[in-house]
Amino acid sequence: MKYEEALKQLEAIVDKMENDELDIDSLTEQLKTAKKLIKLCKDKLTKTDEEIKKILDDGGEA
């Protein structure tokens, strides 16, 4: 799943929560999904940050 797709899903969950569109059972499931999506986004951002740092470090030695 791409970062942008995960972010859109998170935004949809937040919108539903803010508009009281979730009953207690749905809320629990959506929170579990949101937790997985947040981890996915965080991991992608961390990986991208590491790749950028590596590219910049390699470029500085050339």
N, C-alpha and C. Protein backbone atom coordinates (compact mmCIF):
# COMPACT_ATOMS: atom_id res chain seq x y z
N MET A 1 0.85 -1.19 0.00
CA MET A 1 0.00 0.00 0.00
C MET A 1 0.89 1.24 0.00
N LYS A 2 0.52 2.19 -0.83
CA LYS A 2 1.27 3.43 -0.90
C LYS A 2 0.94 4.32 0.29
N TYR A 3 1.89 5.19 0.61
CA TYR A 3 1.74 6.12 1.73
C TYR A 3 0.48 6.97 1.56
N GLU A 4 0.28 7.50 0.35
CA GLU A 4 -0.86 8.38 0.10
C GLU A 4 -2.20 7.67 0.32
N GLU A 5 -2.24 6.40 -0.08
CA GLU A 5 -3.47 5.61 0.10
C GLU A 5 -3.74 5.38 1.59
N ALA A 6 -2.70 5.05 2.33
CA ALA A 6 -2.85 4.85 3.77
C ALA A 6 -3.31 6.13 4.45
N LEU A 7 -2.75 7.25 4.02
CA LEU A 7 -3.12 8.54 4.60
C LEU A 7 -4.58 8.87 4.31
N LYS A 8 -5.05 8.57 3.11
CA LYS A 8 -6.46 8.82 2.76
C LYS A 8 -7.38 7.97 3.63
N GLN A 9 -6.99 6.72 3.85
CA GLN A 9 -7.80 5.85 4.71
C GLN A 9 -7.84 6.37 6.14
N LEU A 10 -6.71 6.84 6.63
CA LEU A 10 -6.68 7.43 7.97
C LEU A 10 -7.57 8.66 8.07
N GLU A 11 -7.52 9.50 7.06
CA GLU A 11 -8.36 10.70 7.04
C GLU A 11 -9.84 10.33 7.04
N ALA A 12 -10.19 9.28 6.32
CA ALA A 12 -11.59 8.83 6.27
C ALA A 12 -12.04 8.34 7.65
N ILE A 13 -11.17 7.63 8.33
CA ILE A 13 -11.50 7.14 9.68
C ILE A 13 -11.70 8.31 10.63
N VAL A 14 -10.81 9.28 10.56
CA VAL A 14 -10.91 10.46 11.43
C VAL A 14 -12.21 11.21 11.15
N ASP A 15 -12.54 11.38 9.88
CA ASP A 15 -13.80 12.06 9.52
C ASP A 15 -15.01 11.36 10.12
N LYS A 16 -15.03 10.03 10.02
CA LYS A 16 -16.15 9.26 10.58
C LYS A 16 -16.22 9.43 12.09
N MET A 17 -15.05 9.44 12.74
CA MET A 17 -15.03 9.61 14.19
C MET A 17 -15.53 10.99 14.58
N GLU A 18 -15.08 12.01 13.85
CA GLU A 18 -15.48 13.38 14.17
C GLU A 18 -16.97 13.62 13.93
N ASN A 19 -17.54 12.88 12.99
CA ASN A 19 -18.95 13.06 12.67
C ASN A 19 -19.86 12.05 13.38
N ASP A 20 -19.30 11.35 14.35
CA ASP A 20 -20.06 10.36 15.13
C ASP A 20 -20.78 9.36 14.24
N GLU A 21 -20.09 8.89 13.19
CA GLU A 21 -20.68 7.94 12.26
C GLU A 21 -20.39 6.49 12.63
N LEU A 22 -19.64 6.27 13.71
CA LEU A 22 -19.26 4.91 14.07
C LEU A 22 -19.91 4.50 15.38
N ASP A 23 -20.50 3.30 15.38
CA ASP A 23 -20.98 2.76 16.65
C ASP A 23 -19.77 2.16 17.39
N ILE A 24 -19.97 1.71 18.58
CA ILE A 24 -18.85 1.28 19.43
C ILE A 24 -18.09 0.11 18.82
N ASP A 25 -18.80 -0.82 18.18
CA ASP A 25 -18.13 -1.96 17.56
C ASP A 25 -17.31 -1.53 16.34
N SER A 26 -17.88 -0.68 15.53
CA SER A 26 -17.16 -0.17 14.36
C SER A 26 -15.98 0.69 14.79
N LEU A 27 -16.15 1.45 15.84
CA LEU A 27 -15.08 2.31 16.34
C LEU A 27 -13.86 1.46 16.71
N THR A 28 -14.09 0.37 17.39
CA THR A 28 -12.99 -0.50 17.80
C THR A 28 -12.24 -1.03 16.58
N GLU A 29 -12.98 -1.50 15.60
CA GLU A 29 -12.36 -2.02 14.38
C GLU A 29 -11.61 -0.93 13.62
N GLN A 30 -12.19 0.24 13.54
CA GLN A 30 -11.55 1.34 12.83
C GLN A 30 -10.28 1.80 13.55
N LEU A 31 -10.30 1.77 14.87
CA LEU A 31 -9.10 2.14 15.62
C LEU A 31 -7.97 1.14 15.40
N LYS A 32 -8.32 -0.15 15.30
CA LYS A 32 -7.31 -1.17 15.00
C LYS A 32 -6.72 -0.93 13.61
N THR A 33 -7.58 -0.64 12.66
CA THR A 33 -7.12 -0.35 11.30
C THR A 33 -6.24 0.89 11.29
N ALA A 34 -6.67 1.92 11.99
CA ALA A 34 -5.90 3.16 12.05
C ALA A 34 -4.51 2.92 12.64
N LYS A 35 -4.44 2.09 13.66
CA LYS A 35 -3.15 1.79 14.29
C LYS A 35 -2.20 1.14 13.28
N LYS A 36 -2.71 0.20 12.48
CA LYS A 36 -1.89 -0.45 11.46
C LYS A 36 -1.46 0.55 10.38
N LEU A 37 -2.38 1.42 9.99
CA LEU A 37 -2.07 2.42 8.96
C LEU A 37 -1.03 3.41 9.45
N ILE A 38 -1.12 3.82 10.71
CA ILE A 38 -0.14 4.75 11.29
C ILE A 38 1.24 4.11 11.31
N LYS A 39 1.31 2.84 11.68
CA LYS A 39 2.60 2.13 11.69
C LYS A 39 3.16 2.05 10.28
N LEU A 40 2.33 1.73 9.31
CA LEU A 40 2.77 1.65 7.93
C LEU A 40 3.34 3.00 7.46
N CYS A 41 2.62 4.07 7.75
CA CYS A 41 3.08 5.41 7.36
C CYS A 41 4.38 5.77 8.05
N LYS A 42 4.47 5.49 9.32
CA LYS A 42 5.68 5.80 10.07
C LYS A 42 6.87 5.03 9.52
N ASP A 43 6.67 3.75 9.22
CA ASP A 43 7.75 2.93 8.67
C ASP A 43 8.20 3.46 7.31
N LYS A 44 7.25 3.85 6.47
CA LYS A 44 7.59 4.38 5.15
C LYS A 44 8.36 5.69 5.27
N LEU A 45 7.95 6.55 6.18
CA LEU A 45 8.64 7.82 6.38
C LEU A 45 10.06 7.60 6.92
N THR A 46 10.21 6.66 7.82
CA THR A 46 11.53 6.35 8.38
C THR A 46 12.44 5.80 7.29
N LYS A 47 11.92 4.89 6.49
CA LYS A 47 12.71 4.31 5.40
C LYS A 47 13.12 5.38 4.39
N THR A 48 12.19 6.24 4.04
CA THR A 48 12.49 7.31 3.08
C THR A 48 13.54 8.25 3.65
N ASP A 49 13.43 8.60 4.92
CA ASP A 49 14.40 9.47 5.57
C ASP A 49 15.79 8.85 5.53
N GLU A 50 15.87 7.55 5.81
CA GLU A 50 17.16 6.86 5.78
C GLU A 50 17.75 6.86 4.37
N GLU A 51 16.90 6.63 3.36
CA GLU A 51 17.37 6.61 1.98
C GLU A 51 17.87 7.99 1.55
N ILE A 52 17.16 9.03 1.96
CA ILE A 52 17.58 10.40 1.62
C ILE A 52 18.92 10.70 2.26
N LYS A 53 19.08 10.36 3.53
CA LYS A 53 20.34 10.60 4.22
C LYS A 53 21.48 9.86 3.54
N LYS A 54 21.23 8.63 3.11
CA LYS A 54 22.27 7.83 2.44
C LYS A 54 22.65 8.50 1.12
N ILE A 55 21.66 8.94 0.36
CA ILE A 55 21.93 9.59 -0.92
C ILE A 55 22.74 10.87 -0.69
N LEU A 56 22.36 11.65 0.29
CA LEU A 56 23.08 12.90 0.56
C LEU A 56 24.50 12.63 1.05
N ASP A 57 24.66 11.61 1.87
CA ASP A 57 26.00 11.26 2.36
C ASP A 57 26.88 10.78 1.21
N ASP A 58 26.34 9.96 0.33
CA ASP A 58 27.10 9.47 -0.82
C ASP A 58 27.44 10.61 -1.77
N GLY A 59 26.52 11.54 -1.93
CA GLY A 59 26.74 12.67 -2.84
C GLY A 59 27.79 13.62 -2.33
N GLY A 60 27.94 13.69 -1.03
CA GLY A 60 28.92 14.60 -0.45
C GLY A 60 30.34 14.14 -0.62
N GLU A 61 30.53 12.83 -0.83
CA GLU A 61 31.88 12.27 -0.97
C GLU A 61 32.35 12.28 -2.41
N ALA A 62 31.47 12.52 -3.35
CA ALA A 62 31.85 12.44 -4.77
C ALA A 62 32.66 13.63 -5.20
